[in-house]
């Protein structure tokens, strides 16, 4: 039970006493929530030094995050509840500890991770609320890491990224439609379609009109242990007669530049897919491992992207029949197969109109989903339900073949 010393205002923010404020060594600058029906991610932008204590309470279900010696920045706004999160409240305990209370609609495990500094003195605390368990089941199902044992049955996790957002509108069509406003419903529709498929789970990098720096999108995918990253956009060109969809993956040069950046900034402390840590390797070995990871990643991305492109061809015109390669920043995770889907040309008046149609948005989402599912059916990550299903299919074919001889 929360002690009476913790007080919450109707606005969700209570200023600390002057003594607590003077003792504060950190400041909470911003909080962002992204959510689906069964999971959520809370990102806390913190300036200064603090640590976290995370625990759960029942009746009602709550996850509590305590940040010692932490104040709240002027103008801070508490995110509205969505998805599995009912609401979020903040306040100070005596002694200057900032307490954040996240009320949940269903039981869900909470996992917290500090990200590397985004700039000197600034870090992000990521709190993931995993898939909620059914009411009758008191043991939540936890999504395992990509390098989980082969006998597990975790979901394939897809990070769905709606391009642009907030003060970045993206391209603007001749009728005044902003790219950010049409790609978000497409991304949401794609996430919903993924979540309806047994063995698959989606994580949205943003679920509202908010601005995200490009590398924050990658970080959110990595924190969610995504098996694939899909960034959704709407293309634009000066020639307004141009129409059609296209799909991009990372270029070899873009991968090389990113590997150099990882080595220079020592961002390679995190594990690559397969659990290979680079922070204990010298630069030569780390460079070789990154090159191998990048090559395999681009190959997987290309295969998956071609399946998505083929599926999009059944929805409307495809501008470029082959998968394209470019150095887009959002494609630069060296261990997550990634693609950027240009769904249509918003600069074309007819395609701008179609992009605003919920039906067309759903058709685009279904096509992307079809391509992605097809890829994972043939290339299932180890430890997933897709891997189990493929083993069963192969065993069935081998048995049938043996019976004919």
Protein backbone atom coordinates (compact mmCIF):
# COMPACT_ATOMS: atom_id res chain seq x y z
CA UNK A 1 0.00 0.00 0.00
CA UNK A 2 1.35 3.44 -0.84
CA UNK A 3 2.07 5.48 2.26
CA UNK A 4 0.19 8.66 2.93
CA UNK A 5 3.44 10.57 2.50
CA UNK A 6 3.02 10.01 -1.24
CA UNK A 7 0.56 12.59 -2.52
CA UNK A 8 -0.78 12.90 -6.07
CA UNK A 9 -2.37 15.97 -7.55
CA UNK A 10 -5.14 15.89 -10.16
CA UNK A 11 -2.52 16.93 -12.74
CA UNK A 12 -0.28 14.01 -11.78
CA UNK A 13 2.59 16.27 -10.61
CA UNK A 14 3.44 17.45 -7.11
CA UNK A 15 6.45 19.69 -6.61
CA UNK A 16 8.92 18.49 -4.00
CA UNK A 17 9.54 20.48 -0.89
CA UNK A 18 12.28 23.07 -1.26
CA UNK A 19 14.75 20.96 0.74
CA UNK A 20 14.10 17.88 -1.41
CA UNK A 21 14.44 19.94 -4.57
CA UNK A 22 17.81 21.29 -3.42
CA UNK A 23 19.01 17.74 -2.72
CA UNK A 24 17.91 16.42 -6.11
CA UNK A 25 20.72 15.09 -8.30
CA UNK A 26 18.51 14.22 -11.28
CA UNK A 27 15.56 15.68 -13.13
CA UNK A 28 12.78 13.91 -15.04
CA UNK A 29 12.46 15.90 -18.26
CA UNK A 30 9.90 13.93 -20.26
CA UNK A 31 7.83 10.73 -20.21
CA UNK A 32 6.42 8.96 -23.27
CA UNK A 33 4.10 5.97 -23.48
CA UNK A 34 3.61 3.66 -26.46
CA UNK A 35 1.20 0.76 -26.18
CA UNK A 36 -0.73 -2.01 -27.85
CA UNK A 37 -3.62 -3.94 -26.36
CA UNK A 38 -1.37 -6.33 -24.42
CA UNK A 39 1.90 -4.50 -23.87
CA UNK A 40 3.32 -1.05 -23.31
CA UNK A 41 6.62 0.81 -23.09
CA UNK A 42 7.23 3.83 -20.86
CA UNK A 43 10.28 5.95 -21.73
CA UNK A 44 11.59 8.34 -19.06
CA UNK A 45 14.09 11.01 -20.14
CA UNK A 46 16.32 11.77 -17.17
CA UNK A 47 19.03 14.40 -16.77
CA UNK A 48 21.57 13.75 -14.04
CA UNK A 49 22.29 10.70 -11.92
CA UNK A 50 19.80 8.41 -10.21
CA UNK A 51 18.85 4.76 -10.06
CA UNK A 52 15.53 2.98 -10.09
CA UNK A 53 13.53 0.68 -7.87
CA UNK A 54 10.60 -1.07 -9.59
CA UNK A 55 7.98 -3.14 -7.80
CA UNK A 56 4.32 -4.12 -8.20
CA UNK A 57 1.24 -3.65 -6.05
CA UNK A 58 -2.20 -5.26 -6.27
CA UNK A 59 -5.78 -4.10 -5.81
CA UNK A 60 -5.60 -2.19 -8.06
CA UNK A 61 -2.77 -3.55 -10.21
CA UNK A 62 0.10 -1.05 -10.25
CA UNK A 63 3.76 -0.89 -11.17
CA UNK A 64 5.72 1.57 -9.05
CA UNK A 65 8.97 3.19 -10.20
CA UNK A 66 10.96 5.05 -7.55
CA UNK A 67 13.74 7.45 -8.60
CA UNK A 68 15.73 8.71 -5.58
CA UNK A 69 16.80 12.36 -5.39
CA UNK A 70 14.90 13.22 -8.57
CA UNK A 71 12.85 16.31 -9.30
CA UNK A 72 10.39 17.02 -12.12
CA UNK A 73 11.20 19.50 -14.86
CA UNK A 74 9.08 22.58 -15.26
CA UNK A 75 6.37 22.00 -17.86
CA UNK A 76 6.51 18.19 -17.48
CA UNK A 77 3.35 16.42 -18.67
CA UNK A 78 2.26 12.97 -17.58
CA UNK A 79 1.29 10.69 -20.50
CA UNK A 80 -2.33 9.67 -20.87
CA UNK A 81 -3.08 5.98 -20.31
CA UNK A 82 -3.54 3.74 -23.35
CA UNK A 83 -3.50 0.04 -24.18
CA UNK A 84 -2.82 -2.05 -21.08
CA UNK A 85 -2.07 1.12 -19.06
CA UNK A 86 -5.05 2.74 -17.32
CA UNK A 87 -3.25 5.85 -16.11
CA UNK A 88 0.06 7.19 -14.83
CA UNK A 89 0.58 9.38 -11.79
CA UNK A 90 3.66 11.01 -10.33
CA UNK A 91 4.51 12.51 -6.99
CA UNK A 92 7.21 12.92 -4.37
CA UNK A 93 7.77 11.03 -1.16
CA UNK A 94 9.42 12.63 1.83
CA UNK A 95 13.15 12.63 1.23
CA UNK A 96 12.95 13.61 -2.42
CA UNK A 97 12.21 10.25 -4.06
CA UNK A 98 10.12 10.69 -7.18
CA UNK A 99 7.45 7.97 -7.40
CA UNK A 100 5.75 7.07 -10.67
CA UNK A 101 2.70 4.83 -10.41
CA UNK A 102 1.49 3.02 -13.52
CA UNK A 103 -1.96 1.49 -13.10
CA UNK A 104 -2.59 -1.54 -15.33
CA UNK A 105 -5.77 -3.06 -16.74
CA UNK A 106 -4.40 -6.61 -16.50
CA UNK A 107 -1.43 -8.39 -14.86
CA UNK A 108 1.80 -7.75 -16.80
CA UNK A 109 5.48 -8.24 -15.93
CA UNK A 110 7.55 -5.06 -15.77
CA UNK A 111 11.18 -4.90 -16.91
CA UNK A 112 13.35 -1.78 -16.66
CA UNK A 113 16.50 -0.95 -18.62
CA UNK A 114 18.74 2.10 -18.70
CA UNK A 115 19.82 3.09 -22.20
CA UNK A 116 23.24 4.61 -22.99
CA UNK A 117 23.48 8.39 -22.77
CA UNK A 118 21.65 10.12 -25.62
CA UNK A 119 23.86 13.16 -24.94
CA UNK A 120 26.14 14.11 -22.02
CA UNK A 121 24.25 13.79 -18.75
CA UNK A 122 21.03 12.54 -20.36
CA UNK A 123 19.77 8.95 -20.22
CA UNK A 124 16.54 7.12 -20.85
CA UNK A 125 14.95 4.61 -18.50
CA UNK A 126 12.79 2.17 -20.48
CA UNK A 127 10.09 0.24 -18.61
CA UNK A 128 8.45 -2.52 -20.64
CA UNK A 129 5.16 -3.99 -19.54
CA UNK A 130 5.01 -7.41 -21.22
CA UNK A 131 2.04 -9.27 -22.62
CA UNK A 132 -0.73 -9.30 -20.04
CA UNK A 133 -1.72 -12.71 -18.76
CA UNK A 134 -5.38 -13.84 -18.81
CA UNK A 135 -7.34 -13.12 -15.66
CA UNK A 136 -7.37 -16.79 -14.66
CA UNK A 137 -3.61 -17.17 -15.12
CA UNK A 138 -1.52 -15.52 -12.43
CA UNK A 139 1.78 -16.33 -14.18
CA UNK A 140 2.46 -13.75 -16.93
CA UNK A 141 3.91 -14.98 -20.21
CA UNK A 142 7.31 -13.39 -20.75
CA UNK A 143 8.67 -12.78 -24.25
CA UNK A 144 12.17 -14.25 -24.37
CA UNK A 145 15.24 -12.81 -26.03
CA UNK A 146 16.04 -13.54 -29.68
CA UNK A 147 18.72 -16.02 -28.58
CA UNK A 148 16.28 -18.03 -26.41
CA UNK A 149 16.71 -21.84 -26.27
CA UNK A 150 15.33 -23.87 -29.15
CA UNK A 151 12.70 -25.54 -26.98
CA UNK A 152 10.94 -22.28 -26.09
CA UNK A 153 7.84 -20.96 -27.86
CA UNK A 154 8.24 -17.21 -27.76
CA UNK A 155 6.52 -14.86 -30.18
CA UNK A 156 8.27 -13.28 -33.12
CA UNK A 157 8.49 -9.60 -32.18
CA UNK A 158 8.00 -6.96 -34.88
CA UNK A 159 8.86 -3.30 -34.23
CA UNK A 160 6.48 -1.17 -36.32
CA UNK A 161 7.70 2.39 -36.81
CA UNK A 162 5.38 5.14 -38.05
CA UNK A 163 7.67 7.65 -39.71
CA UNK A 164 7.98 11.31 -38.69
CA UNK A 165 5.59 12.73 -36.03
CA UNK A 166 5.19 15.77 -33.80
CA UNK A 167 6.96 18.83 -35.20
CA UNK A 168 8.23 16.70 -38.11
CA UNK A 169 5.24 16.34 -40.48
CA UNK A 170 7.17 14.52 -43.20
CA UNK A 171 6.06 15.10 -46.79
CA UNK A 172 2.88 17.06 -47.54
CA UNK A 173 0.49 16.17 -50.36
CA UNK A 174 -1.08 18.64 -52.79
CA UNK A 175 -4.26 18.54 -50.70
CA UNK A 176 -2.39 19.41 -47.50
CA UNK A 177 -2.21 15.88 -46.05
CA UNK A 178 0.83 15.31 -43.85
CA UNK A 179 2.80 12.07 -44.14
CA UNK A 180 2.91 11.66 -40.36
CA UNK A 181 -0.91 11.57 -40.21
CA UNK A 182 -1.38 8.75 -42.74
CA UNK A 183 1.50 6.47 -41.76
CA UNK A 184 0.41 6.28 -38.11
CA UNK A 185 -2.95 4.58 -38.84
CA UNK A 186 -1.19 2.25 -41.30
CA UNK A 187 1.32 1.34 -38.60
CA UNK A 188 -1.45 0.81 -36.05
CA UNK A 189 -3.38 -1.38 -38.49
CA UNK A 190 -0.24 -3.41 -39.18
CA UNK A 191 0.40 -3.85 -35.46
CA UNK A 192 -3.18 -4.97 -34.89
CA UNK A 193 -2.93 -7.49 -37.74
CA UNK A 194 0.35 -8.85 -36.36
CA UNK A 195 -1.10 -9.17 -32.85
CA UNK A 196 -4.01 -11.24 -34.17
CA UNK A 197 -1.61 -13.81 -35.57
CA UNK A 198 -0.61 -16.59 -33.14
CA UNK A 199 3.12 -16.54 -32.59
CA UNK A 200 3.59 -12.88 -33.52
CA UNK A 201 3.63 -9.68 -31.46
CA UNK A 202 3.99 -6.04 -32.51
CA UNK A 203 5.60 -3.12 -30.69
CA UNK A 204 4.89 0.39 -31.97
CA UNK A 205 7.75 2.87 -31.71
CA UNK A 206 5.11 5.59 -31.48
CA UNK A 207 1.37 5.34 -31.04
CA UNK A 208 0.55 9.04 -31.11
CA UNK A 209 1.65 12.24 -32.78
CA UNK A 210 5.07 12.63 -31.17
CA UNK A 211 8.55 13.46 -32.40
CA UNK A 212 11.23 10.79 -32.02
CA UNK A 213 14.86 11.13 -32.99
CA UNK A 214 15.77 8.46 -35.52
CA UNK A 215 18.11 6.50 -33.27
CA UNK A 216 15.52 6.46 -30.51
CA UNK A 217 13.35 4.40 -32.85
CA UNK A 218 16.15 1.85 -33.21
CA UNK A 219 16.73 1.84 -29.44
CA UNK A 220 13.07 1.09 -28.77
CA UNK A 221 13.21 -1.84 -31.18
CA UNK A 222 16.35 -3.20 -29.53
CA UNK A 223 14.90 -2.83 -26.03
CA UNK A 224 11.84 -4.81 -27.19
CA UNK A 225 14.22 -7.49 -28.57
CA UNK A 226 12.56 -7.17 -31.95
CA UNK A 227 13.19 -9.79 -34.62
CA UNK A 228 12.35 -7.29 -37.36
CA UNK A 229 11.99 -3.53 -37.74
CA UNK A 230 9.54 -2.02 -40.26
CA UNK A 231 9.43 1.74 -40.83
CA UNK A 232 6.29 2.99 -42.62
CA UNK A 233 6.46 6.08 -44.85
CA UNK A 234 4.76 7.79 -47.80
CA UNK A 235 7.09 8.95 -50.57
CA UNK A 236 7.20 12.36 -52.26
CA UNK A 237 8.75 13.69 -55.46
CA UNK A 238 8.61 16.91 -57.48
CA UNK A 239 6.94 15.09 -60.39
CA UNK A 240 3.38 14.69 -59.09
CA UNK A 241 2.55 12.11 -61.77
CA UNK A 242 4.79 9.48 -60.13
CA UNK A 243 2.94 6.74 -58.21
CA UNK A 244 3.60 3.39 -56.59
CA UNK A 245 5.18 1.69 -53.58
CA UNK A 246 8.82 0.82 -52.95
CA UNK A 247 10.77 -0.96 -50.21
CA UNK A 248 14.28 -0.17 -48.97
CA UNK A 249 16.89 -2.01 -46.91
CA UNK A 250 20.27 -0.79 -45.68
CA UNK A 251 23.08 -0.36 -48.20
CA UNK A 252 26.49 -1.98 -47.69
CA UNK A 253 28.07 1.46 -47.38
CA UNK A 254 25.51 2.49 -44.77
CA UNK A 255 26.29 -0.66 -42.82
CA UNK A 256 30.02 0.00 -42.97
CA UNK A 257 29.57 3.56 -41.73
CA UNK A 258 27.38 2.37 -38.88
CA UNK A 259 29.88 -0.30 -37.83
CA UNK A 260 32.55 2.38 -37.65
CA UNK A 261 30.27 4.52 -35.51
CA UNK A 262 29.60 1.66 -33.09
CA UNK A 263 33.30 1.02 -32.68
CA UNK A 264 34.12 4.71 -32.26
CA UNK A 265 31.40 5.39 -29.69
CA UNK A 266 31.59 2.00 -27.97
CA UNK A 267 27.86 1.43 -28.48
CA UNK A 268 28.75 -2.22 -29.03
CA UNK A 269 28.54 -2.98 -25.32
CA UNK A 270 25.10 -4.48 -25.93
CA UNK A 271 24.82 -8.00 -27.27
CA UNK A 272 24.32 -8.65 -30.93
CA UNK A 273 21.69 -11.17 -31.95
CA UNK A 274 22.86 -14.60 -30.79
CA UNK A 275 24.16 -13.20 -27.51
CA UNK A 276 27.60 -12.19 -28.84
CA UNK A 277 28.91 -9.30 -26.75
CA UNK A 278 31.44 -6.99 -28.36
CA UNK A 279 32.55 -4.88 -25.41
CA UNK A 280 35.22 -7.41 -24.39
CA UNK A 281 36.68 -7.68 -27.93
CA UNK A 282 39.47 -5.62 -29.42
CA UNK A 283 38.56 -3.37 -32.34
CA UNK A 284 39.81 -5.77 -35.01
CA UNK A 285 37.76 -8.73 -33.79
CA UNK A 286 34.76 -6.51 -33.03
CA UNK A 287 34.96 -5.10 -36.55
CA UNK A 288 34.98 -8.60 -38.07
CA UNK A 289 32.00 -9.67 -35.94
CA UNK A 290 30.09 -6.51 -36.88
CA UNK A 291 30.79 -7.09 -40.57
CA UNK A 292 29.51 -10.65 -40.32
CA UNK A 293 26.43 -9.51 -38.44
CA UNK A 294 25.77 -6.72 -40.93
CA UNK A 295 26.14 -9.00 -43.95
CA UNK A 296 23.74 -11.57 -42.52
CA UNK A 297 21.37 -8.80 -41.46
CA UNK A 298 21.24 -7.17 -44.90
CA UNK A 299 20.71 -10.56 -46.55
CA UNK A 300 17.78 -11.35 -44.22
CA UNK A 301 16.37 -7.84 -44.70
CA UNK A 302 16.55 -8.19 -48.47
CA UNK A 303 14.72 -11.54 -48.45
CA UNK A 304 11.95 -10.25 -46.17
CA UNK A 305 11.63 -6.96 -48.07
CA UNK A 306 11.22 -8.75 -51.40
CA UNK A 307 8.29 -10.74 -49.97
CA UNK A 308 6.69 -7.52 -48.73
CA UNK A 309 7.21 -5.86 -52.11
CA UNK A 310 5.57 -8.81 -53.87
CA UNK A 311 2.58 -8.60 -51.54
CA UNK A 312 2.26 -4.83 -52.08
CA UNK A 313 2.07 -5.46 -55.82
CA UNK A 314 -1.33 -7.08 -55.17
CA UNK A 315 -2.65 -3.91 -53.51
CA UNK A 316 -1.64 -1.24 -56.00
CA UNK A 317 1.10 -0.15 -58.33
CA UNK A 318 4.70 -0.83 -57.35
CA UNK A 319 7.08 1.95 -58.34
CA UNK A 320 10.27 -0.10 -58.14
CA UNK A 321 9.95 -3.86 -58.67
CA UNK A 322 13.24 -4.61 -56.93
CA UNK A 323 14.14 -3.88 -53.33
CA UNK A 324 16.22 -0.70 -53.10
CA UNK A 325 19.19 -0.03 -50.82
CA UNK A 326 20.02 3.23 -49.05
CA UNK A 327 21.68 4.53 -45.90
CA UNK A 328 18.54 5.46 -43.94
CA UNK A 329 19.42 5.86 -40.25
CA UNK A 330 16.41 3.84 -39.05
CA UNK A 331 17.72 0.80 -40.94
CA UNK A 332 21.11 0.82 -39.23
CA UNK A 333 20.67 -1.66 -36.40
CA UNK A 334 23.36 -4.28 -37.14
CA UNK A 335 21.40 -7.15 -35.61
CA UNK A 336 17.73 -6.53 -36.50
CA UNK A 337 16.55 -7.19 -40.08
CA UNK A 338 15.03 -3.86 -41.10
CA UNK A 339 13.09 -2.37 -43.97
CA UNK A 340 11.57 0.98 -44.87
CA UNK A 341 8.28 0.79 -46.77
CA UNK A 342 7.29 3.74 -48.95
CA UNK A 343 3.61 2.84 -49.20
CA UNK A 344 2.72 5.31 -51.97
CA UNK A 345 3.50 8.78 -53.29
CA UNK A 346 1.67 11.32 -51.16
CA UNK A 347 2.80 13.93 -53.71
CA UNK A 348 0.38 12.35 -56.23
CA UNK A 349 -3.15 13.65 -55.70
CA UNK A 350 -4.86 10.27 -56.33
CA UNK A 351 -2.51 8.39 -54.02
CA UNK A 352 -2.85 11.13 -51.38
CA UNK A 353 -6.61 10.50 -51.42
CA UNK A 354 -6.17 6.73 -51.16
CA UNK A 355 -3.68 7.08 -48.30
CA UNK A 356 -6.37 8.86 -46.25
CA UNK A 357 -8.81 5.97 -46.77
CA UNK A 358 -9.05 3.56 -43.79
CA UNK A 359 -9.79 0.75 -46.24
CA UNK A 360 -6.65 1.43 -48.28
CA UNK A 361 -4.61 1.83 -45.10
CA UNK A 362 -5.85 -1.60 -44.00
CA UNK A 363 -5.02 -3.11 -47.38
CA UNK A 364 -1.47 -1.79 -47.19
CA UNK A 365 -1.09 -3.13 -43.65
CA UNK A 366 -2.41 -6.54 -44.70
CA UNK A 367 0.05 -6.70 -47.59
CA UNK A 368 3.03 -5.82 -45.39
CA UNK A 369 1.87 -8.39 -42.84
CA UNK A 370 1.48 -11.09 -45.50
CA UNK A 371 5.04 -10.58 -46.70
CA UNK A 372 6.49 -10.56 -43.18
CA UNK A 373 4.58 -13.67 -42.09
CA UNK A 374 5.69 -15.48 -45.25
CA UNK A 375 9.31 -14.61 -44.46
CA UNK A 376 9.15 -15.93 -40.88
CA UNK A 377 7.38 -19.10 -41.97
CA UNK A 378 10.40 -19.91 -44.13
CA UNK A 379 13.05 -18.31 -41.90
CA UNK A 380 11.88 -18.74 -38.30
CA UNK A 381 14.11 -17.40 -35.50
CA UNK A 382 15.35 -20.06 -33.11
CA UNK A 383 13.10 -20.53 -30.09
CA UNK A 384 9.89 -19.25 -31.69
CA UNK A 385 6.55 -20.88 -32.41
CA UNK A 386 7.35 -20.43 -36.09
CA UNK A 387 10.47 -22.59 -35.59
CA UNK A 388 8.39 -25.27 -33.89
CA UNK A 389 5.84 -25.21 -36.72
CA UNK A 390 8.56 -25.46 -39.37
CA UNK A 391 10.21 -28.42 -37.62
CA UNK A 392 6.83 -30.15 -37.47
CA UNK A 393 6.24 -29.47 -41.18
CA UNK A 394 9.65 -30.82 -42.17
CA UNK A 395 9.16 -33.91 -39.99
CA UNK A 396 5.76 -34.52 -41.61
CA UNK A 397 7.23 -34.23 -45.12
CA UNK A 398 10.10 -36.57 -44.23
CA UNK A 399 7.66 -39.11 -42.81
CA UNK A 400 5.46 -38.94 -45.89
CA UNK A 401 8.50 -39.34 -48.16
CA UNK A 402 9.70 -42.37 -46.19
CA UNK A 403 6.28 -44.00 -46.45
CA UNK A 404 6.41 -43.87 -50.26
CA UNK A 405 9.68 -45.84 -50.40
